[in-house]
Amino acid sequence: MKPLAYEVEGDFTLIPACCLHYPEGETSLIEKFVQRVQSDPKVRVILMGDMLDQDRTHRRKYRRGYIEDENSVASHDDRHNRRDVEQLASILYPISDQIWGVLQGNHYYQYTSGVTSDQYLCELLGVPYCGPVGVFRIGVSVSGGSSRNLKIWCHHSGGSTGGRTLGGSVNALLRQENSWDMDIYLIGHDHRRVCWRESTLGVSDRGEPAIYERTKVFARVGAFLKTYKHEACIPKKSIHIPGYGEKAAFRPADLGWVEIGVKLKRSYGAPTRFAYDLLVPDCQ
C-alpha cells in the first residue's frame, strides 16, 4: 500500500468508477462515462476494481493448480485476455491524464508472469496501480493562498461480500471509519449507488478552545454490469448460464457512477473547510 499525493487548484469533481466488467458490462455506458469525464477538465477519476469480467478467487486458484500443461494453454489464455485489456484501455485512454489510480477488485486475470490484468491496464494507460487499498492526499488550494489536504480512502469491497440490503451495504462502509480518519470513503463491489454525508465534531488545536464541525463523505460507487440480461429467448438445446446476480435473485443494479463535487470554503473567523456537492446522476 502506497499513499498517492496530487495537487488541485480550486474546485473539482471526483468520479469514482467501479465494476466495469468489460466486455460483459454495458460498453455504451462506459463510453458515456468517458464522455462525461472528457467534458470537464476539472474531473478526476479513481477506478475501483473489477475493470474486466474475469476470474474470481477460486478460478484463479484452479488455474494455478493446473500444472499438466505448463505453456500452451496458459500462453493462449494470456493472449486472449490481453486483447480484452487492450480494448478497454483504448476506450479509457482519452481520460488517462485524469485518472489518479486503479484499484484491484476480486475479478481479474493473473498471467503466467504473475502480473494481473489490472496491472497491465495501468501499464497501458500510464497510471498508478494502487493494489487492494487506495489512499490519496489531495492538496487543494484556492486564490488568496488558502490550502488544505483532502484525504481519500477507497477499497473495492471494504473486506465484505456486499450487502443484499441497503442497511448491510451502508454499515459495511461506515465501519471503515473505525480504522481510517479520512474525508472521503469509497467502496464498490455490491453494484449499489448511494452517497451521503456524516458530520463529526472536534476541538481546535490552538488559541482559545473552539468547537468545529467536519463533514465526511461516504459512497458506494455503482457498476456498469446489468444484474439481469434481457435475452430474446432461453436456448433449449445448449447450456444456459445466467449471471450470478440473477441466480442469487439480487435487486437489479442502478447502473452508473456517483459524482462528488469538492469545494474549499473560507469563512471569516472560522477554519477553512471542505464542502461537498453529491450527485447520483441518471446514467441510463
Protein backbone atom coordinates (compact mmCIF):
# COMPACT_ATOMS: atom_id res chain seq x y z
CA MET A 1 0.00 0.00 0.00
CA LYS A 2 1.49 3.31 -1.12
CA PRO A 3 -0.34 6.60 -0.48
CA LEU A 4 -0.50 8.84 -3.53
CA ALA A 5 -0.37 12.65 -3.50
CA TYR A 6 -1.80 15.12 -6.02
CA GLU A 7 -2.33 18.87 -6.18
CA VAL A 8 -5.53 20.57 -7.35
CA GLU A 9 -6.23 24.28 -7.71
CA GLY A 10 -9.80 25.35 -6.99
CA ASP A 11 -12.99 23.30 -7.08
CA PHE A 12 -13.01 19.89 -8.72
CA THR A 13 -15.27 16.86 -9.16
CA LEU A 14 -14.27 13.34 -8.13
CA ILE A 15 -15.91 10.49 -10.08
CA PRO A 16 -15.01 7.02 -8.78
CA ALA A 17 -15.96 4.22 -11.18
CA CYS A 18 -16.18 0.55 -10.30
CA CYS A 19 -17.26 -2.81 -11.70
CA LEU A 20 -17.00 -2.06 -15.42
CA HIS A 21 -16.83 -5.84 -16.02
CA TYR A 22 -15.68 -5.30 -19.60
CA PRO A 23 -16.66 -6.76 -22.07
CA GLU A 24 -19.81 -8.12 -20.36
CA GLY A 25 -20.63 -4.73 -18.87
CA GLU A 26 -22.52 -2.09 -20.82
CA THR A 27 -19.92 -0.76 -23.25
CA SER A 28 -22.18 2.12 -24.27
CA LEU A 29 -22.36 3.21 -20.62
CA ILE A 30 -18.56 3.02 -20.26
CA GLU A 31 -18.27 5.26 -23.32
CA LYS A 32 -20.83 7.65 -21.81
CA PHE A 33 -18.74 7.78 -18.63
CA VAL A 34 -15.64 8.64 -20.67
CA GLN A 35 -17.55 11.42 -22.44
CA ARG A 36 -18.68 12.83 -19.07
CA VAL A 37 -15.11 12.94 -17.78
CA GLN A 38 -13.81 14.47 -21.01
CA SER A 39 -16.46 17.20 -20.84
CA ASP A 40 -14.89 18.78 -17.73
CA PRO A 41 -11.11 19.15 -17.31
CA LYS A 42 -11.63 19.56 -13.54
CA VAL A 43 -12.95 15.99 -13.16
CA ARG A 44 -10.67 13.43 -11.55
CA VAL A 45 -11.23 9.66 -11.60
CA ILE A 46 -10.40 6.68 -9.39
CA LEU A 47 -11.04 3.25 -10.96
CA MET A 48 -12.02 0.89 -8.16
CA GLY A 49 -11.63 -2.66 -9.41
CA ASP A 50 -13.43 -5.31 -11.47
CA MET A 51 -12.41 -3.49 -14.61
CA LEU A 52 -12.80 -6.72 -16.58
CA ASP A 53 -15.26 -9.58 -16.25
CA GLN A 54 -12.52 -12.03 -15.34
CA ASP A 55 -11.70 -14.77 -12.85
CA ARG A 56 -12.71 -14.64 -9.23
CA THR A 57 -10.50 -16.08 -6.48
CA HIS A 58 -11.49 -19.76 -6.81
CA ARG A 59 -10.98 -19.70 -10.56
CA ARG A 60 -7.51 -18.16 -10.22
CA LYS A 61 -6.55 -20.85 -7.68
CA TYR A 62 -7.77 -23.53 -10.07
CA ARG A 63 -5.67 -22.09 -12.89
CA ARG A 64 -2.55 -22.02 -10.72
CA GLY A 65 -3.20 -25.59 -9.60
CA TYR A 66 -3.32 -26.93 -13.18
CA ILE A 67 0.27 -27.93 -13.90
CA GLU A 68 -0.08 -30.64 -16.55
CA ASP A 69 0.37 -28.23 -19.47
CA GLU A 70 2.75 -25.53 -18.37
CA ASN A 71 2.95 -23.50 -21.57
CA SER A 72 0.50 -23.91 -24.42
CA VAL A 73 -2.86 -23.48 -22.67
CA ALA A 74 -1.65 -20.76 -20.31
CA SER A 75 0.01 -18.71 -23.04
CA HIS A 76 -3.12 -18.93 -25.20
CA ASP A 77 -5.29 -17.75 -22.29
CA ASP A 78 -2.83 -14.92 -21.61
CA ARG A 79 -3.03 -13.67 -25.20
CA HIS A 80 -6.82 -13.88 -25.25
CA ASN A 81 -7.12 -11.88 -22.01
CA ARG A 82 -4.63 -9.24 -23.10
CA ARG A 83 -6.86 -8.44 -26.07
CA ASP A 84 -9.73 -7.60 -23.73
CA VAL A 85 -7.47 -5.39 -21.58
CA GLU A 86 -6.13 -3.60 -24.65
CA GLN A 87 -9.65 -2.95 -25.96
CA LEU A 88 -10.72 -1.47 -22.62
CA ALA A 89 -7.53 0.62 -22.46
CA SER A 90 -8.33 2.09 -25.88
CA ILE A 91 -11.74 3.21 -24.57
CA LEU A 92 -10.29 4.74 -21.38
CA TYR A 93 -7.13 6.23 -22.86
CA PRO A 94 -8.67 9.65 -23.72
CA ILE A 95 -9.14 10.29 -19.96
CA SER A 96 -5.89 8.69 -18.76
CA ASP A 97 -4.45 12.04 -17.64
CA GLN A 98 -7.49 12.50 -15.34
CA ILE A 99 -7.16 9.09 -13.62
CA TRP A 100 -5.50 9.15 -10.20
CA GLY A 101 -5.17 5.39 -9.82
CA VAL A 102 -6.61 1.91 -10.35
CA LEU A 103 -7.53 -0.49 -7.53
CA GLN A 104 -7.56 -4.27 -7.52
CA GLY A 105 -11.00 -5.86 -7.39
CA ASN A 106 -11.95 -9.50 -6.96
CA HIS A 107 -12.43 -10.10 -10.72
CA TYR A 108 -9.08 -10.06 -12.51
CA TYR A 109 -6.86 -12.33 -14.57
CA GLN A 110 -3.37 -13.34 -13.47
CA TYR A 111 -0.87 -14.00 -16.25
CA THR A 112 1.79 -16.69 -16.06
CA SER A 113 4.29 -13.92 -15.20
CA GLY A 114 2.30 -13.16 -12.02
CA VAL A 115 1.19 -9.75 -13.31
CA THR A 116 -2.57 -9.14 -13.21
CA SER A 117 -4.90 -7.70 -15.82
CA ASP A 118 -5.36 -4.60 -13.59
CA GLN A 119 -1.60 -4.01 -13.59
CA TYR A 120 -1.46 -4.45 -17.36
CA LEU A 121 -4.30 -1.92 -17.76
CA CYS A 122 -2.33 0.58 -15.65
CA GLU A 123 0.75 -0.02 -17.81
CA LEU A 124 -1.21 0.73 -20.99
CA LEU A 125 -2.84 3.86 -19.52
CA GLY A 126 0.29 5.13 -17.77
CA VAL A 127 -1.47 5.50 -14.40
CA PRO A 128 -0.61 4.25 -10.88
CA TYR A 129 -1.67 0.81 -9.68
CA CYS A 130 -2.87 1.00 -6.07
CA GLY A 131 -3.41 -2.65 -5.16
CA PRO A 132 -6.38 -3.50 -2.91
CA VAL A 133 -6.38 -0.19 -0.97
CA GLY A 134 -6.23 3.31 -2.38
CA VAL A 135 -5.08 6.13 -0.11
CA PHE A 136 -4.88 9.64 -1.58
CA ARG A 137 -3.79 13.00 -0.18
CA ILE A 138 -5.02 15.81 -2.38
CA GLY A 139 -3.61 19.28 -1.79
CA VAL A 140 -6.44 21.68 -2.62
CA SER A 141 -5.65 25.39 -2.93
CA VAL A 142 -7.72 28.47 -3.74
CA SER A 143 -6.85 32.00 -4.78
CA GLY A 144 -5.64 34.05 -1.84
CA GLY A 145 -3.26 31.40 -0.58
CA SER A 146 -5.56 29.12 1.42
CA SER A 147 -4.90 25.42 1.09
CA ARG A 148 -5.83 22.19 2.80
CA ASN A 149 -5.28 18.47 2.30
CA LEU A 150 -8.24 16.31 1.31
CA LYS A 151 -7.79 12.67 2.31
CA ILE A 152 -9.49 9.84 0.43
CA TRP A 153 -9.69 6.14 1.34
CA CYS A 154 -11.05 3.59 -1.13
CA HIS A 155 -11.30 -0.18 -1.43
CA HIS A 156 -13.11 -2.40 -3.88
CA SER A 157 -15.18 -4.28 -1.30
CA GLY A 158 -14.21 -2.97 2.12
CA GLY A 159 -13.45 -6.55 3.10
CA SER A 160 -17.13 -7.53 2.89
CA THR A 161 -19.05 -9.72 0.46
CA GLY A 162 -21.50 -6.91 -0.22
CA GLY A 163 -24.92 -6.27 1.22
CA ARG A 164 -28.20 -7.71 -0.01
CA THR A 165 -29.96 -4.96 1.97
CA LEU A 166 -29.24 -1.25 1.91
CA GLY A 167 -28.51 -1.30 5.65
CA GLY A 168 -25.86 -4.01 5.26
CA SER A 169 -24.23 -2.11 2.41
CA VAL A 170 -24.17 1.18 4.32
CA ASN A 171 -22.86 -0.38 7.54
CA ALA A 172 -20.01 -2.14 5.72
CA LEU A 173 -18.87 1.27 4.50
CA LEU A 174 -19.35 3.10 7.81
CA ARG A 175 -17.16 0.53 9.60
CA GLN A 176 -14.14 1.80 7.68
CA GLU A 177 -14.21 4.98 9.78
CA ASN A 178 -13.12 2.84 12.76
CA SER A 179 -9.74 2.24 11.11
CA TRP A 180 -9.13 5.33 8.96
CA ASP A 181 -9.59 9.02 9.72
CA MET A 182 -10.26 10.37 6.23
CA ASP A 183 -12.52 12.89 4.50
CA ILE A 184 -13.97 10.64 1.79
CA TYR A 185 -14.60 6.89 1.99
CA LEU A 186 -15.37 4.90 -1.18
CA ILE A 187 -16.37 1.26 -1.76
CA GLY A 188 -17.81 -0.56 -4.77
CA HIS A 189 -18.36 -4.31 -5.20
CA ASP A 190 -22.10 -4.69 -4.47
CA HIS A 191 -23.10 -2.58 -7.52
CA ARG A 192 -25.18 -0.20 -5.39
CA ARG A 193 -25.09 3.59 -5.87
CA VAL A 194 -25.56 5.58 -2.69
CA CYS A 195 -23.74 8.66 -1.38
CA TRP A 196 -24.18 10.65 1.84
CA ARG A 197 -22.57 13.00 4.36
CA GLU A 198 -21.78 12.48 8.04
CA SER A 199 -20.62 15.20 10.45
CA THR A 200 -18.17 14.96 13.32
CA LEU A 201 -17.19 17.49 15.98
CA GLY A 202 -13.74 18.38 17.25
CA VAL A 203 -11.82 20.94 19.29
CA SER A 204 -9.36 23.43 17.82
CA ASP A 205 -5.63 22.78 18.36
CA ARG A 206 -4.51 26.35 19.09
CA GLY A 207 -5.71 29.54 20.78
CA GLU A 208 -8.95 29.73 22.69
CA PRO A 209 -10.60 26.27 22.52
CA ALA A 210 -13.40 26.22 19.97
CA ILE A 211 -15.71 23.50 18.68
CA TYR A 212 -15.54 22.90 14.94
CA GLU A 213 -17.57 20.67 12.63
CA ARG A 214 -16.08 18.44 9.95
CA THR A 215 -18.06 16.80 7.16
CA LYS A 216 -17.15 13.38 5.80
CA VAL A 217 -18.47 11.73 2.63
CA PHE A 218 -19.32 8.05 2.20
CA ALA A 219 -20.21 6.41 -1.12
CA ARG A 220 -20.98 3.06 -2.68
CA VAL A 221 -19.97 3.91 -6.20
CA GLY A 222 -22.08 1.81 -8.60
CA ALA A 223 -21.44 -0.53 -11.54
CA PHE A 224 -21.72 -0.97 -15.31
CA LEU A 225 -22.96 -4.60 -15.42
CA LYS A 226 -26.65 -5.46 -15.65
CA THR A 227 -27.95 -7.82 -12.98
CA TYR A 228 -30.45 -9.36 -15.40
CA LYS A 229 -29.69 -9.84 -19.09
CA HIS A 230 -32.73 -9.37 -21.31
CA GLU A 231 -32.35 -12.29 -23.69
CA ALA A 232 -34.53 -12.81 -26.72
CA CYS A 233 -35.01 -16.42 -25.68
CA ILE A 234 -33.50 -19.06 -23.42
CA PRO A 235 -31.88 -21.75 -25.55
CA LYS A 236 -33.35 -25.26 -25.33
CA LYS A 237 -30.53 -27.22 -26.94
CA SER A 238 -27.48 -25.60 -25.41
CA ILE A 239 -26.30 -24.67 -21.94
CA HIS A 240 -27.83 -21.53 -20.44
CA ILE A 241 -25.64 -19.72 -17.90
CA PRO A 242 -27.37 -16.77 -16.22
CA GLY A 243 -25.41 -14.13 -14.36
CA TYR A 244 -24.64 -14.65 -10.68
CA GLY A 245 -26.92 -11.73 -9.75
CA GLU A 246 -29.83 -13.43 -11.49
CA LYS A 247 -29.11 -16.77 -9.81
CA ALA A 248 -28.94 -15.10 -6.39
CA ALA A 249 -32.12 -13.05 -7.06
CA PHE A 250 -30.39 -9.73 -6.36
CA ARG A 251 -32.16 -6.43 -6.82
CA PRO A 252 -31.44 -5.03 -10.32
CA ALA A 253 -28.44 -2.71 -10.19
CA ASP A 254 -28.95 1.02 -10.74
CA LEU A 255 -26.14 1.33 -13.25
CA GLY A 256 -23.75 4.26 -13.40
CA TRP A 257 -21.50 6.28 -11.12
CA VAL A 258 -21.60 8.91 -8.36
CA GLU A 259 -20.09 12.39 -8.51
CA ILE A 260 -18.55 14.26 -5.58
CA GLY A 261 -18.02 17.97 -6.08
CA VAL A 262 -15.32 19.32 -3.75
CA LYS A 263 -15.04 22.98 -2.71
CA LEU A 264 -12.65 24.61 -0.27
CA LYS A 265 -14.59 27.22 1.67
CA ARG A 266 -13.30 30.08 3.78
CA SER A 267 -15.33 31.90 6.44
CA TYR A 268 -14.11 34.86 8.45
CA GLY A 269 -13.02 33.72 11.92
CA ALA A 270 -13.51 30.02 11.14
CA PRO A 271 -11.14 27.32 9.87
CA THR A 272 -11.00 26.60 6.16
CA ARG A 273 -13.24 23.61 5.44
CA PHE A 274 -14.37 21.36 2.62
CA ALA A 275 -17.91 21.44 1.27
CA TYR A 276 -19.35 18.76 -0.98
CA ASP A 277 -21.97 18.58 -3.71
CA LEU A 278 -23.14 14.97 -4.02
CA LEU A 279 -24.81 13.70 -7.17
CA VAL A 280 -26.17 10.31 -8.19
CA PRO A 281 -26.88 11.11 -11.84
CA ASP A 282 -29.36 9.39 -14.13
CA CYS A 283 -26.89 7.49 -16.31
CA GLN A 284 -29.35 5.44 -18.41
